[in-house]
Amino acid sequence: MTNQQAVLDLLDIVEYRGCADPQQFFALMRRTFDIAHLLYLEAEPTAEGLKVCRLHHTFGAYAEELYLSRGLHRIDPILRLALGGVRPVEWATARRRFPECEPLYEAAEDIGLSTEGVALPLPSPAGRMALLAISANMSPPEWAEYRRCHLRDFQLAANLFHASMLEQAMADAIDDRDTRLTSRETEVLTWSAAGKSYWEIATILGISERTVRFFMSNARRKLNVVSNTQAVAQAVRHALIPTI
């Protein structure tokens, strides 16, 4: 089995240092565990199917081209089960459950890819779905034992990595928005960060309490948040206001 200290080191890196780089995360996972390949997918269901928002993997360009050119994504039971559920999906179980999907597994075997693995559904914002798929070059009995020992480690690492990806996406979205606060919006947020009420801010700035509310509402809109606390936190995080 994998050295437990190595597992703890990986989890510390992903949780406390953050890891929003898929290739870095994949390298850490492969170095720590006996993993052949990984795939991270975030998608948005639409009337036409799935709109891929993020896709990163280690399977290589040829495997991706084969998967798409043969339309294997249309019969992939892993997508059907993992993106529509909350439990880990064992690849072998999906293979037995959906015999019509056999061409997918045969194509993988033809190019030397393992068909032993697991897909982990990941909690996502409303309207999105995500998963981390893990494959290992092991025999079915070996994989069953390895999975039993490390599934919780896989799930925790996947959740922490996914959280880093979501946080990075949120930060990027803020950077892409018009976050140029006016001088009054900056003043109102600064005093709010200092714990002042609307009435106190109005008195300090010599304006009406209604005007303070107006500036705060504009700041929340620009920062894409719903509360004053969130607005202050985002403004501080992105150095949009001075700290007192």
Protein backbone atom coordinates (compact mmCIF):
# COMPACT_ATOMS: atom_id res chain seq x y z
CA MET A 1 0.00 0.00 0.00
CA THR A 2 0.97 3.65 -0.36
CA ASN A 3 3.05 5.27 2.39
CA GLN A 4 0.59 7.08 4.67
CA GLN A 5 2.98 9.94 5.35
CA ALA A 6 3.15 10.62 1.62
CA VAL A 7 -0.66 10.75 1.54
CA LEU A 8 -0.72 13.23 4.44
CA ASP A 9 1.91 15.38 2.72
CA LEU A 10 -0.18 15.48 -0.46
CA LEU A 11 -3.33 16.45 1.43
CA ASP A 12 -1.43 19.20 3.29
CA ILE A 13 -0.18 20.65 0.00
CA VAL A 14 -3.62 20.64 -1.63
CA GLU A 15 -5.45 21.97 1.43
CA TYR A 16 -3.11 24.56 2.89
CA ARG A 17 -1.05 25.72 -0.07
CA GLY A 18 -3.84 25.47 -2.62
CA CYS A 19 -3.53 23.65 -5.91
CA ALA A 20 -5.46 25.11 -8.84
CA ASP A 21 -3.05 23.71 -11.43
CA PRO A 22 -4.45 20.40 -12.74
CA GLN A 23 -1.14 19.13 -14.06
CA GLN A 24 0.56 19.82 -10.73
CA PHE A 25 -2.23 18.01 -8.91
CA PHE A 26 -2.06 15.08 -11.32
CA ALA A 27 1.69 14.83 -10.79
CA LEU A 28 1.23 14.83 -7.00
CA MET A 29 -1.41 12.12 -7.21
CA ARG A 30 0.65 9.93 -9.52
CA ARG A 31 3.72 10.34 -7.35
CA THR A 32 1.81 9.49 -4.18
CA PHE A 33 -0.46 6.72 -5.42
CA ASP A 34 -0.06 3.94 -7.95
CA ILE A 35 -2.22 5.78 -10.50
CA ALA A 36 -1.95 5.38 -14.27
CA HIS A 37 -4.16 8.28 -15.41
CA LEU A 38 -6.43 11.02 -14.09
CA LEU A 39 -9.19 13.10 -15.62
CA TYR A 40 -10.90 16.17 -14.20
CA LEU A 41 -14.13 17.34 -15.80
CA GLU A 42 -16.48 20.18 -14.98
CA ALA A 43 -19.55 20.44 -17.18
CA GLU A 44 -22.88 22.20 -17.47
CA PRO A 45 -25.98 20.22 -18.52
CA THR A 46 -27.82 21.70 -21.49
CA ALA A 47 -30.73 20.64 -23.68
CA GLU A 48 -28.22 19.36 -26.25
CA GLY A 49 -26.13 17.41 -23.73
CA LEU A 50 -23.12 18.48 -21.69
CA LYS A 51 -21.25 21.73 -22.20
CA VAL A 52 -17.68 21.16 -21.08
CA CYS A 53 -16.43 24.00 -18.90
CA ARG A 54 -13.09 22.48 -17.86
CA LEU A 55 -11.38 19.29 -19.01
CA HIS A 56 -7.90 18.18 -17.97
CA HIS A 57 -6.45 14.68 -18.22
CA THR A 58 -3.31 12.60 -18.65
CA PHE A 59 -4.63 10.16 -21.27
CA GLY A 60 -2.95 11.93 -24.17
CA ALA A 61 -4.16 13.52 -27.41
CA TYR A 62 -4.68 10.23 -29.28
CA ALA A 63 -6.99 8.77 -26.63
CA GLU A 64 -9.00 12.01 -26.53
CA GLU A 65 -9.32 12.08 -30.33
CA LEU A 66 -10.41 8.43 -30.40
CA TYR A 67 -12.97 9.04 -27.67
CA LEU A 68 -14.52 11.98 -29.51
CA SER A 69 -14.23 10.76 -33.11
CA ARG A 70 -16.02 7.49 -32.32
CA GLY A 71 -18.66 9.26 -30.29
CA LEU A 72 -17.81 7.20 -27.21
CA HIS A 73 -18.86 10.05 -24.94
CA ARG A 74 -22.45 9.33 -26.00
CA ILE A 75 -22.34 5.84 -24.47
CA ASP A 76 -19.94 6.49 -21.61
CA PRO A 77 -21.60 5.10 -18.46
CA ILE A 78 -19.07 6.86 -16.24
CA LEU A 79 -20.39 10.25 -17.35
CA ARG A 80 -23.96 9.10 -16.94
CA LEU A 81 -23.48 7.81 -13.41
CA ALA A 82 -20.83 10.11 -11.95
CA LEU A 83 -22.21 13.38 -13.29
CA GLY A 84 -25.70 12.43 -12.23
CA GLY A 85 -25.00 11.01 -8.79
CA VAL A 86 -23.12 11.42 -5.54
CA ARG A 87 -21.52 8.00 -5.00
CA PRO A 88 -18.15 6.91 -6.42
CA VAL A 89 -18.59 4.98 -9.67
CA GLU A 90 -16.49 1.87 -10.11
CA TRP A 91 -15.59 1.40 -13.77
CA ALA A 92 -15.98 -2.39 -13.66
CA THR A 93 -19.43 -2.06 -12.09
CA ALA A 94 -20.52 0.37 -14.80
CA ARG A 95 -19.22 -2.05 -17.44
CA ARG A 96 -21.35 -4.87 -16.08
CA ARG A 97 -24.40 -2.67 -15.64
CA PHE A 98 -24.33 -1.23 -19.15
CA PRO A 99 -23.27 -3.93 -21.66
CA GLU A 100 -24.17 -1.61 -24.54
CA CYS A 101 -21.15 0.48 -23.54
CA GLU A 102 -18.69 -2.33 -24.26
CA PRO A 103 -17.22 -0.54 -27.35
CA LEU A 104 -15.84 2.12 -24.99
CA TYR A 105 -13.97 -0.40 -22.85
CA GLU A 106 -12.77 -2.34 -25.89
CA ALA A 107 -11.38 0.85 -27.43
CA ALA A 108 -9.51 1.60 -24.20
CA GLU A 109 -8.03 -1.89 -24.08
CA ASP A 110 -7.03 -1.69 -27.77
CA ILE A 111 -4.75 1.28 -27.05
CA GLY A 112 -3.37 -0.16 -23.84
CA LEU A 113 -5.42 1.79 -21.30
CA SER A 114 -6.52 0.19 -18.07
CA THR A 115 -10.24 -0.33 -17.52
CA GLU A 116 -9.84 -0.55 -13.75
CA GLY A 117 -10.67 2.70 -12.03
CA VAL A 118 -13.16 4.88 -10.21
CA ALA A 119 -14.92 8.18 -10.92
CA LEU A 120 -15.58 10.53 -8.01
CA PRO A 121 -18.49 12.99 -8.27
CA LEU A 122 -17.57 16.41 -6.87
CA PRO A 123 -19.86 18.98 -5.23
CA SER A 124 -20.38 21.93 -7.55
CA PRO A 125 -22.35 25.18 -7.75
CA ALA A 126 -25.93 24.96 -8.98
CA GLY A 127 -26.10 24.18 -12.68
CA ARG A 128 -22.66 22.55 -12.80
CA MET A 129 -21.40 18.98 -12.44
CA ALA A 130 -17.86 17.74 -11.92
CA LEU A 131 -15.88 14.56 -11.44
CA LEU A 132 -12.37 13.25 -11.00
CA ALA A 133 -11.66 9.92 -12.70
CA ILE A 134 -8.75 7.73 -11.60
CA SER A 135 -7.39 4.66 -13.37
CA ALA A 136 -4.71 2.20 -12.25
CA ASN A 137 -2.73 -0.49 -14.06
CA MET A 138 -3.73 -3.28 -11.71
CA SER A 139 -5.53 -6.58 -11.93
CA PRO A 140 -9.16 -6.53 -10.71
CA PRO A 141 -8.30 -8.14 -7.33
CA GLU A 142 -5.34 -5.80 -6.79
CA TRP A 143 -7.40 -2.75 -7.68
CA ALA A 144 -10.29 -3.82 -5.42
CA GLU A 145 -7.93 -4.01 -2.45
CA TYR A 146 -6.10 -0.79 -3.33
CA ARG A 147 -9.37 1.08 -3.81
CA ARG A 148 -10.68 -0.18 -0.47
CA CYS A 149 -7.61 1.19 1.30
CA HIS A 150 -7.38 4.55 -0.46
CA LEU A 151 -10.86 5.57 -1.65
CA ARG A 152 -11.28 8.06 1.21
CA ASP A 153 -7.85 9.53 0.43
CA PHE A 154 -8.81 9.85 -3.24
CA GLN A 155 -12.11 11.54 -2.39
CA LEU A 156 -10.61 14.02 0.07
CA ALA A 157 -7.79 14.96 -2.31
CA ALA A 158 -10.29 15.35 -5.18
CA ASN A 159 -12.59 17.57 -3.09
CA LEU A 160 -9.74 19.81 -1.97
CA PHE A 161 -8.40 20.15 -5.51
CA HIS A 162 -11.89 20.91 -6.86
CA ALA A 163 -12.34 23.56 -4.17
CA SER A 164 -9.09 25.22 -5.29
CA MET A 165 -10.32 25.19 -8.89
CA LEU A 166 -13.64 26.79 -7.91
CA GLU A 167 -11.90 29.45 -5.82
CA GLN A 168 -9.55 30.27 -8.68
CA ALA A 169 -12.47 30.50 -11.11
CA MET A 170 -14.25 32.89 -8.74
CA ALA A 171 -11.15 35.05 -8.45
CA ASP A 172 -10.73 35.09 -12.24
CA ALA A 173 -14.39 36.07 -12.66
CA ILE A 174 -13.90 39.00 -10.31
CA ASP A 175 -10.77 40.07 -12.15
CA ASP A 176 -12.70 39.98 -15.45
CA ARG A 177 -15.53 42.14 -14.10
CA ASP A 178 -15.47 45.91 -13.82
CA THR A 179 -14.24 46.07 -10.25
CA ARG A 180 -13.07 49.66 -10.48
CA LEU A 181 -14.65 51.09 -7.38
CA THR A 182 -15.38 54.80 -7.19
CA SER A 183 -13.77 56.82 -4.43
CA ARG A 184 -17.05 56.88 -2.49
CA GLU A 185 -17.53 53.10 -2.87
CA THR A 186 -14.00 52.59 -1.63
CA GLU A 187 -14.61 54.86 1.37
CA VAL A 188 -17.87 53.14 2.26
CA LEU A 189 -16.29 49.68 2.03
CA THR A 190 -13.28 50.81 4.03
CA TRP A 191 -15.39 52.11 6.90
CA SER A 192 -17.60 49.03 6.72
CA ALA A 193 -14.45 46.90 7.05
CA ALA A 194 -13.70 48.92 10.20
CA GLY A 195 -17.03 47.80 11.67
CA LYS A 196 -18.97 51.02 11.15
CA SER A 197 -22.75 50.98 10.63
CA TYR A 198 -24.54 52.75 7.77
CA TRP A 199 -25.48 55.60 10.13
CA GLU A 200 -21.89 55.96 11.38
CA ILE A 201 -20.48 55.92 7.84
CA ALA A 202 -23.03 58.55 6.77
CA THR A 203 -21.99 60.77 9.69
CA ILE A 204 -18.27 60.33 8.99
CA LEU A 205 -18.59 61.08 5.27
CA GLY A 206 -21.20 63.81 5.64
CA ILE A 207 -23.74 62.11 3.37
CA SER A 208 -27.16 60.54 3.93
CA GLU A 209 -27.62 56.98 5.12
CA ARG A 210 -29.58 56.30 1.92
CA THR A 211 -26.57 57.36 -0.14
CA VAL A 212 -24.34 55.04 1.87
CA ARG A 213 -26.70 52.17 1.04
CA PHE A 214 -26.56 53.15 -2.63
CA PHE A 215 -22.76 53.04 -2.74
CA MET A 216 -22.66 49.75 -0.85
CA SER A 217 -25.18 48.23 -3.27
CA ASN A 218 -23.01 49.29 -6.22
CA ALA A 219 -19.94 47.77 -4.58
CA ARG A 220 -21.72 44.44 -3.99
CA ARG A 221 -22.82 44.36 -7.62
CA LYS A 222 -19.33 45.04 -8.94
CA LEU A 223 -17.81 42.41 -6.67
CA ASN A 224 -20.52 39.88 -7.57
CA VAL A 225 -21.50 39.15 -3.96
CA VAL A 226 -24.74 39.28 -2.00
CA SER A 227 -23.72 40.58 1.42
CA ASN A 228 -21.65 43.43 2.82
CA THR A 229 -19.42 40.97 4.64
CA GLN A 230 -18.63 39.21 1.37
CA ALA A 231 -18.04 42.55 -0.34
CA VAL A 232 -15.52 43.60 2.29
CA ALA A 233 -13.78 40.22 2.16
CA GLN A 234 -13.44 40.33 -1.63
CA ALA A 235 -12.28 43.95 -1.60
CA VAL A 236 -9.59 43.15 0.98
CA ARG A 237 -8.55 39.97 -0.83
CA HIS A 238 -8.03 41.83 -4.10
CA ALA A 239 -6.45 44.90 -2.42
CA LEU A 240 -9.26 47.17 -3.60
CA ILE A 241 -9.49 48.92 -0.23
CA PRO A 242 -6.90 49.73 2.41
CA THR A 243 -6.97 47.71 5.60
CA ILE A 244 -7.42 49.56 8.87
